[in-house]
Amino acid sequence: TISSDNTKNTVWLQMSGLKPEDTATYYCAS
């Protein structure tokens, strides 16, 4: 689930049910 808070200028990525295939370096971009 992705969400944002403009007052904090922050974006979150909430991850659940993680699998070994999710292993990686995660980057945010604009």
PDB file of all heavy atoms in Angstrom:
ATOM      1  N   THR A   1       0.838  -1.180   0.000  1.00  0.00           N
ATOM      2  CA  THR A   1       0.000   0.000   0.000  1.00  0.00           C
ATOM      3  C   THR A   1       0.881   1.241   0.000  1.00  0.00           C
ATOM      4  O   THR A   1       1.779   1.367   0.840  1.00  0.00           O
ATOM      5  CB  THR A   1      -0.929   0.037   1.219  1.00  0.00           C
ATOM      6  OG1 THR A   1      -1.763  -1.126   1.230  1.00  0.00           O
ATOM      7  CG2 THR A   1      -1.816   1.280   1.181  1.00  0.00           C
ATOM      8  N   ILE A   2       0.617   2.154  -0.935  1.00  0.00           N
ATOM      9  CA  ILE A   2       1.376   3.394  -1.005  1.00  0.00           C
ATOM     10  C   ILE A   2       0.517   4.532  -0.476  1.00  0.00           C
ATOM     11  O   ILE A   2      -0.688   4.583  -0.721  1.00  0.00           O
ATOM     12  CB  ILE A   2       1.867   3.671  -2.441  1.00  0.00           C
ATOM     13  CG1 ILE A   2       2.875   4.819  -2.459  1.00  0.00           C
ATOM     14  CG2 ILE A   2       0.703   3.954  -3.386  1.00  0.00           C
ATOM     15  CD1 ILE A   2       3.613   4.959  -3.794  1.00  0.00           C
ATOM     16  N   SER A   3       1.135   5.442   0.257  1.00  0.00           N
ATOM     17  CA  SER A   3       0.423   6.577   0.820  1.00  0.00           C
ATOM     18  C   SER A   3       1.372   7.759   0.935  1.00  0.00           C
ATOM     19  O   SER A   3       2.593   7.607   0.827  1.00  0.00           O
ATOM     20  CB  SER A   3      -0.170   6.237   2.188  1.00  0.00           C
ATOM     21  OG  SER A   3       0.841   5.884   3.114  1.00  0.00           O
ATOM     22  N   SER A   4       0.813   8.949   1.154  1.00  0.00           N
ATOM     23  CA  SER A   4       1.636  10.145   1.262  1.00  0.00           C
ATOM     24  C   SER A   4       1.050  11.106   2.278  1.00  0.00           C
ATOM     25  O   SER A   4      -0.149  11.072   2.578  1.00  0.00           O
ATOM     26  CB  SER A   4       1.776  10.846  -0.095  1.00  0.00           C
ATOM     27  OG  SER A   4       0.531  11.346  -0.543  1.00  0.00           O
ATOM     28  N   ASP A   5       1.899  11.959   2.803  1.00  0.00           N
ATOM     29  CA  ASP A   5       1.507  13.012   3.733  1.00  0.00           C
ATOM     30  C   ASP A   5       2.204  14.276   3.270  1.00  0.00           C
ATOM     31  O   ASP A   5       3.414  14.430   3.456  1.00  0.00           O
ATOM     32  CB  ASP A   5       1.904  12.653   5.160  1.00  0.00           C
ATOM     33  CG  ASP A   5       1.422  13.664   6.180  1.00  0.00           C
ATOM     34  OD1 ASP A   5       1.143  14.820   5.813  1.00  0.00           O
ATOM     35  OD2 ASP A   5       1.309  13.292   7.364  1.00  0.00           O
ATOM     36  N   ASN A   6       1.443  15.175   2.662  1.00  0.00           N
ATOM     37  CA  ASN A   6       2.045  16.368   2.087  1.00  0.00           C
ATOM     38  C   ASN A   6       2.600  17.319   3.140  1.00  0.00           C
ATOM     39  O   ASN A   6       3.543  18.064   2.871  1.00  0.00           O
ATOM     40  CB  ASN A   6       1.033  17.110   1.212  1.00  0.00           C
ATOM     41  CG  ASN A   6       0.743  16.387  -0.082  1.00  0.00           C
ATOM     42  OD1 ASN A   6       1.191  15.260  -0.290  1.00  0.00           O
ATOM     43  ND2 ASN A   6      -0.005  17.028  -0.956  1.00  0.00           N
ATOM     44  N   THR A   7       2.024  17.306   4.345  1.00  0.00           N
ATOM     45  CA  THR A   7       2.539  18.165   5.403  1.00  0.00           C
ATOM     46  C   THR A   7       3.930  17.742   5.833  1.00  0.00           C
ATOM     47  O   THR A   7       4.733  18.569   6.270  1.00  0.00           O
ATOM     48  CB  THR A   7       1.601  18.173   6.612  1.00  0.00           C
ATOM     49  OG1 THR A   7       1.526  16.869   7.191  1.00  0.00           O
ATOM     50  CG2 THR A   7       0.208  18.619   6.202  1.00  0.00           C
ATOM     51  N   LYS A   8       4.227  16.458   5.709  1.00  0.00           N
ATOM     52  CA  LYS A   8       5.547  15.928   6.036  1.00  0.00           C
ATOM     53  C   LYS A   8       6.401  15.715   4.796  1.00  0.00           C
ATOM     54  O   LYS A   8       7.579  15.375   4.915  1.00  0.00           O
ATOM     55  CB  LYS A   8       5.421  14.617   6.803  1.00  0.00           C
ATOM     56  CG  LYS A   8       4.690  14.739   8.128  1.00  0.00           C
ATOM     57  CD  LYS A   8       4.594  13.393   8.829  1.00  0.00           C
ATOM     58  CE  LYS A   8       3.880  13.515  10.154  1.00  0.00           C
ATOM     59  NZ  LYS A   8       3.772  12.207  10.847  1.00  0.00           N
ATOM     60  N   ASN A   9       5.804  15.880   3.610  1.00  0.00           N
ATOM     61  CA  ASN A   9       6.487  15.670   2.337  1.00  0.00           C
ATOM     62  C   ASN A   9       7.143  14.291   2.295  1.00  0.00           C
ATOM     63  O   ASN A   9       8.309  14.135   1.915  1.00  0.00           O
ATOM     64  CB  ASN A   9       7.521  16.767   2.072  1.00  0.00           C
ATOM     65  CG  ASN A   9       7.395  17.361   0.682  1.00  0.00           C
ATOM     66  OD1 ASN A   9       6.286  17.525   0.162  1.00  0.00           O
ATOM     67  ND2 ASN A   9       8.527  17.691   0.065  1.00  0.00           N
ATOM     68  N   THR A  10       6.361  13.293   2.672  1.00  0.00           N
ATOM     69  CA  THR A  10       6.863  11.932   2.788  1.00  0.00           C
ATOM     70  C   THR A  10       5.897  10.952   2.138  1.00  0.00           C
ATOM     71  O   THR A  10       4.673  11.119   2.240  1.00  0.00           O
ATOM     72  CB  THR A  10       7.071  11.544   4.264  1.00  0.00           C
ATOM     73  OG1 THR A  10       8.029  12.432   4.854  1.00  0.00           O
ATOM     74  CG2 THR A  10       7.579  10.118   4.392  1.00  0.00           C
ATOM     75  N   VAL A  11       6.450   9.952   1.471  1.00  0.00           N
ATOM     76  CA  VAL A  11       5.682   8.858   0.886  1.00  0.00           C
ATOM     77  C   VAL A  11       6.084   7.567   1.582  1.00  0.00           C
ATOM     78  O   VAL A  11       7.274   7.332   1.824  1.00  0.00           O
ATOM     79  CB  VAL A  11       5.914   8.757  -0.630  1.00  0.00           C
ATOM     80  CG1 VAL A  11       5.259   7.495  -1.195  1.00  0.00           C
ATOM     81  CG2 VAL A  11       5.369   9.984  -1.334  1.00  0.00           C
ATOM     82  N   TRP A  12       5.113   6.733   1.912  1.00  0.00           N
ATOM     83  CA  TRP A  12       5.357   5.440   2.553  1.00  0.00           C
ATOM     84  C   TRP A  12       4.936   4.310   1.633  1.00  0.00           C
ATOM     85  O   TRP A  12       3.990   4.424   0.853  1.00  0.00           O
ATOM     86  CB  TRP A  12       4.584   5.323   3.863  1.00  0.00           C
ATOM     87  CG  TRP A  12       5.050   6.236   4.943  1.00  0.00           C
ATOM     88  CD1 TRP A  12       6.025   5.998   5.869  1.00  0.00           C
ATOM     89  CD2 TRP A  12       4.548   7.550   5.216  1.00  0.00           C
ATOM     90  NE1 TRP A  12       6.160   7.076   6.705  1.00  0.00           N
ATOM     91  CE2 TRP A  12       5.270   8.039   6.333  1.00  0.00           C
ATOM     92  CE3 TRP A  12       3.565   8.345   4.629  1.00  0.00           C
ATOM     93  CZ2 TRP A  12       5.033   9.301   6.871  1.00  0.00           C
ATOM     94  CZ3 TRP A  12       3.330   9.606   5.165  1.00  0.00           C
ATOM     95  CH2 TRP A  12       4.059  10.063   6.272  1.00  0.00           C
ATOM     96  N   LEU A  13       5.640   3.206   1.733  1.00  0.00           N
ATOM     97  CA  LEU A  13       5.261   1.969   1.081  1.00  0.00           C
ATOM     98  C   LEU A  13       5.124   0.907   2.168  1.00  0.00           C
ATOM     99  O   LEU A  13       6.126   0.429   2.705  1.00  0.00           O
ATOM    100  CB  LEU A  13       6.289   1.540   0.035  1.00  0.00           C
ATOM    101  CG  LEU A  13       5.938   0.285  -0.761  1.00  0.00           C
ATOM    102  CD1 LEU A  13       4.722   0.545  -1.653  1.00  0.00           C
ATOM    103  CD2 LEU A  13       7.121  -0.176  -1.602  1.00  0.00           C
ATOM    104  N   GLN A  14       3.881   0.569   2.505  1.00  0.00           N
ATOM    105  CA  GLN A  14       3.613  -0.440   3.511  1.00  0.00           C
ATOM    106  C   GLN A  14       3.551  -1.799   2.832  1.00  0.00           C
ATOM    107  O   GLN A  14       2.749  -1.999   1.923  1.00  0.00           O
ATOM    108  CB  GLN A  14       2.305  -0.141   4.238  1.00  0.00           C
ATOM    109  CG  GLN A  14       1.989  -1.090   5.368  1.00  0.00           C
ATOM    110  CD  GLN A  14       0.720  -0.717   6.120  1.00  0.00           C
ATOM    111  OE1 GLN A  14       0.136   0.338   5.889  1.00  0.00           O
ATOM    112  NE2 GLN A  14       0.289  -1.568   7.019  1.00  0.00           N
ATOM    113  N   MET A  15       4.386  -2.715   3.284  1.00  0.00           N
ATOM    114  CA  MET A  15       4.505  -4.025   2.669  1.00  0.00           C
ATOM    115  C   MET A  15       4.132  -5.096   3.680  1.00  0.00           C
ATOM    116  O   MET A  15       4.592  -5.076   4.819  1.00  0.00           O
ATOM    117  CB  MET A  15       5.932  -4.262   2.163  1.00  0.00           C
ATOM    118  CG  MET A  15       6.456  -3.162   1.254  1.00  0.00           C
ATOM    119  SD  MET A  15       8.116  -3.507   0.620  1.00  0.00           S
ATOM    120  CE  MET A  15       9.061  -3.437   2.149  1.00  0.00           C
ATOM    121  N   SER A  16       3.313  -6.039   3.253  1.00  0.00           N
ATOM    122  CA  SER A  16       2.931  -7.169   4.084  1.00  0.00           C
ATOM    123  C   SER A  16       2.973  -8.439   3.248  1.00  0.00           C
ATOM    124  O   SER A  16       3.039  -8.391   2.028  1.00  0.00           O
ATOM    125  CB  SER A  16       1.539  -6.965   4.686  1.00  0.00           C
ATOM    126  OG  SER A  16       0.552  -6.869   3.675  1.00  0.00           O
ATOM    127  N   GLY A  17       2.925  -9.571   3.928  1.00  0.00           N
ATOM    128  CA  GLY A  17       3.012 -10.841   3.220  1.00  0.00           C
ATOM    129  C   GLY A  17       4.264 -10.946   2.371  1.00  0.00           C
ATOM    130  O   GLY A  17       4.212 -11.448   1.242  1.00  0.00           O
ATOM    131  N   LEU A  18       5.373 -10.494   2.912  1.00  0.00           N
ATOM    132  CA  LEU A  18       6.611 -10.436   2.138  1.00  0.00           C
ATOM    133  C   LEU A  18       7.101 -11.826   1.759  1.00  0.00           C
ATOM    134  O   LEU A  18       6.954 -12.787   2.518  1.00  0.00           O
ATOM    135  CB  LEU A  18       7.683  -9.686   2.917  1.00  0.00           C
ATOM    136  CG  LEU A  18       7.482  -8.169   2.977  1.00  0.00           C
ATOM    137  CD1 LEU A  18       8.367  -7.544   4.048  1.00  0.00           C
ATOM    138  CD2 LEU A  18       7.772  -7.546   1.616  1.00  0.00           C
ATOM    139  N   LYS A  19       7.681 -11.899   0.572  1.00  0.00           N
ATOM    140  CA  LYS A  19       8.198 -13.137   0.011  1.00  0.00           C
ATOM    141  C   LYS A  19       9.678 -12.981  -0.287  1.00  0.00           C
ATOM    142  O   LYS A  19      10.159 -11.869  -0.488  1.00  0.00           O
ATOM    143  CB  LYS A  19       7.449 -13.489  -1.278  1.00  0.00           C
ATOM    144  CG  LYS A  19       5.934 -13.530  -1.140  1.00  0.00           C
ATOM    145  CD  LYS A  19       5.271 -13.725  -2.492  1.00  0.00           C
ATOM    146  CE  LYS A  19       3.759 -13.726  -2.370  1.00  0.00           C
ATOM    147  NZ  LYS A  19       3.106 -13.897  -3.693  1.00  0.00           N
ATOM    148  N   PRO A  20      10.423 -14.087  -0.343  1.00  0.00           N
ATOM    149  CA  PRO A  20      11.845 -13.986  -0.692  1.00  0.00           C
ATOM    150  C   PRO A  20      12.084 -13.264  -2.009  1.00  0.00           C
ATOM    151  O   PRO A  20      13.108 -12.583  -2.156  1.00  0.00           O
ATOM    152  CB  PRO A  20      12.285 -15.456  -0.760  1.00  0.00           C
ATOM    153  CG  PRO A  20      11.392 -16.148   0.211  1.00  0.00           C
ATOM    154  CD  PRO A  20      10.056 -15.459   0.072  1.00  0.00           C
ATOM    155  N   GLU A  21      11.173 -13.364  -2.955  1.00  0.00           N
ATOM    156  CA  GLU A  21      11.313 -12.686  -4.234  1.00  0.00           C
ATOM    157  C   GLU A  21      11.221 -11.172  -4.117  1.00  0.00           C
ATOM    158  O   GLU A  21      11.542 -10.457  -5.059  1.00  0.00           O
ATOM    159  CB  GLU A  21      10.260 -13.188  -5.234  1.00  0.00           C
ATOM    160  CG  GLU A  21       8.830 -12.860  -4.834  1.00  0.00           C
ATOM    161  CD  GLU A  21       7.800 -13.589  -5.679  1.00  0.00           C
ATOM    162  OE1 GLU A  21       7.757 -14.834  -5.591  1.00  0.00           O
ATOM    163  OE2 GLU A  21       7.060 -12.924  -6.419  1.00  0.00           O
ATOM    164  N   ASP A  22      10.776 -10.667  -2.963  1.00  0.00           N
ATOM    165  CA  ASP A  22      10.738  -9.231  -2.719  1.00  0.00           C
ATOM    166  C   ASP A  22      12.093  -8.679  -2.299  1.00  0.00           C
ATOM    167  O   ASP A  22      12.245  -7.457  -2.177  1.00  0.00           O
ATOM    168  CB  ASP A  22       9.707  -8.894  -1.638  1.00  0.00           C
ATOM    169  CG  ASP A  22       8.287  -9.222  -2.059  1.00  0.00           C
ATOM    170  OD1 ASP A  22       7.927  -8.936  -3.217  1.00  0.00           O
ATOM    171  OD2 ASP A  22       7.536  -9.761  -1.219  1.00  0.00           O
ATOM    172  N   THR A  23      13.060  -9.549  -2.055  1.00  0.00           N
ATOM    173  CA  THR A  23      14.387  -9.110  -1.651  1.00  0.00           C
ATOM    174  C   THR A  23      15.022  -8.264  -2.750  1.00  0.00           C
ATOM    175  O   THR A  23      15.147  -8.700  -3.893  1.00  0.00           O
ATOM    176  CB  THR A  23      15.277 -10.314  -1.334  1.00  0.00           C
ATOM    177  OG1 THR A  23      14.748 -11.017  -0.205  1.00  0.00           O
ATOM    178  CG2 THR A  23      16.698  -9.867  -1.019  1.00  0.00           C
ATOM    179  N   ALA A  24      15.424  -7.046  -2.401  1.00  0.00           N
ATOM    180  CA  ALA A  24      15.992  -6.121  -3.373  1.00  0.00           C
ATOM    181  C   ALA A  24      16.369  -4.830  -2.664  1.00  0.00           C
ATOM    182  O   ALA A  24      16.028  -4.618  -1.502  1.00  0.00           O
ATOM    183  CB  ALA A  24      14.991  -5.818  -4.497  1.00  0.00           C
ATOM    184  N   THR A  25      17.065  -3.971  -3.383  1.00  0.00           N
ATOM    185  CA  THR A  25      17.252  -2.600  -2.952  1.00  0.00           C
ATOM    186  C   THR A  25      16.089  -1.777  -3.494  1.00  0.00           C
ATOM    187  O   THR A  25      15.801  -1.823  -4.692  1.00  0.00           O
ATOM    188  CB  THR A  25      18.584  -2.025  -3.448  1.00  0.00           C
ATOM    189  OG1 THR A  25      19.660  -2.813  -2.938  1.00  0.00           O
ATOM    190  CG2 THR A  25      18.765  -0.591  -2.966  1.00  0.00           C
ATOM    191  N   TYR A  26      15.425  -1.047  -2.619  1.00  0.00           N
ATOM    192  CA  TYR A  26      14.247  -0.276  -2.995  1.00  0.00           C
ATOM    193  C   TYR A  26      14.610   1.200  -3.104  1.00  0.00           C
ATOM    194  O   TYR A  26      15.249   1.766  -2.214  1.00  0.00           O
ATOM    195  CB  TYR A  26      13.128  -0.469  -1.971  1.00  0.00           C
ATOM    196  CG  TYR A  26      12.427  -1.801  -2.097  1.00  0.00           C
ATOM    197  CD1 TYR A  26      13.079  -2.982  -1.748  1.00  0.00           C
ATOM    198  CD2 TYR A  26      11.121  -1.884  -2.576  1.00  0.00           C
ATOM    199  CE1 TYR A  26      12.454  -4.207  -1.886  1.00  0.00           C
ATOM    200  CE2 TYR A  26      10.489  -3.104  -2.704  1.00  0.00           C
ATOM    201  CZ  TYR A  26      11.154  -4.266  -2.364  1.00  0.00           C
ATOM    202  OH  TYR A  26      10.516  -5.480  -2.496  1.00  0.00           O
ATOM    203  N   TYR A  27      14.186   1.820  -4.198  1.00  0.00           N
ATOM    204  CA  TYR A  27      14.470   3.217  -4.475  1.00  0.00           C
ATOM    205  C   TYR A  27      13.171   3.992  -4.658  1.00  0.00           C
ATOM    206  O   TYR A  27      12.209   3.467  -5.216  1.00  0.00           O
ATOM    207  CB  TYR A  27      15.287   3.370  -5.767  1.00  0.00           C
ATOM    208  CG  TYR A  27      16.600   2.633  -5.794  1.00  0.00           C
ATOM    209  CD1 TYR A  27      16.667   1.313  -6.216  1.00  0.00           C
ATOM    210  CD2 TYR A  27      17.775   3.274  -5.416  1.00  0.00           C
ATOM    211  CE1 TYR A  27      17.868   0.638  -6.259  1.00  0.00           C
ATOM    212  CE2 TYR A  27      18.987   2.599  -5.459  1.00  0.00           C
ATOM    213  CZ  TYR A  27      19.031   1.285  -5.880  1.00  0.00           C
ATOM    214  OH  TYR A  27      20.228   0.614  -5.930  1.00  0.00           O
ATOM    215  N   CYS A  28      13.155   5.233  -4.229  1.00  0.00           N
ATOM    216  CA  CYS A  28      12.077   6.126  -4.620  1.00  0.00           C
ATOM    217  C   CYS A  28      12.608   7.109  -5.655  1.00  0.00           C
ATOM    218  O   CYS A  28      13.802   7.411  -5.693  1.00  0.00           O
ATOM    219  CB  CYS A  28      11.445   6.856  -3.424  1.00  0.00           C
ATOM    220  SG  CYS A  28      12.545   7.918  -2.467  1.00  0.00           S
ATOM    221  N   ALA A  29      11.716   7.580  -6.515  1.00  0.00           N
ATOM    222  CA  ALA A  29      12.125   8.409  -7.631  1.00  0.00           C
ATOM    223  C   ALA A  29      11.013   9.383  -8.004  1.00  0.00           C
ATOM    224  O   ALA A  29       9.837   9.149  -7.707  1.00  0.00           O
ATOM    225  CB  ALA A  29      12.485   7.547  -8.849  1.00  0.00           C
ATOM    226  N   SER A  30      11.391  10.469  -8.673  1.00  0.00           N
ATOM    227  CA  SER A  30      10.432  11.475  -9.105  1.00  0.00           C
ATOM    228  C   SER A  30      10.879  12.059 -10.439  1.00  0.00           C
ATOM    229  O   SER A  30      12.080  12.192 -10.691  1.00  0.00           O
ATOM    230  CB  SER A  30      10.300  12.591  -8.061  1.00  0.00           C
ATOM    231  OG  SER A  30       9.309  13.528  -8.428  1.00  0.00           O
TER     232      SER A  30
END
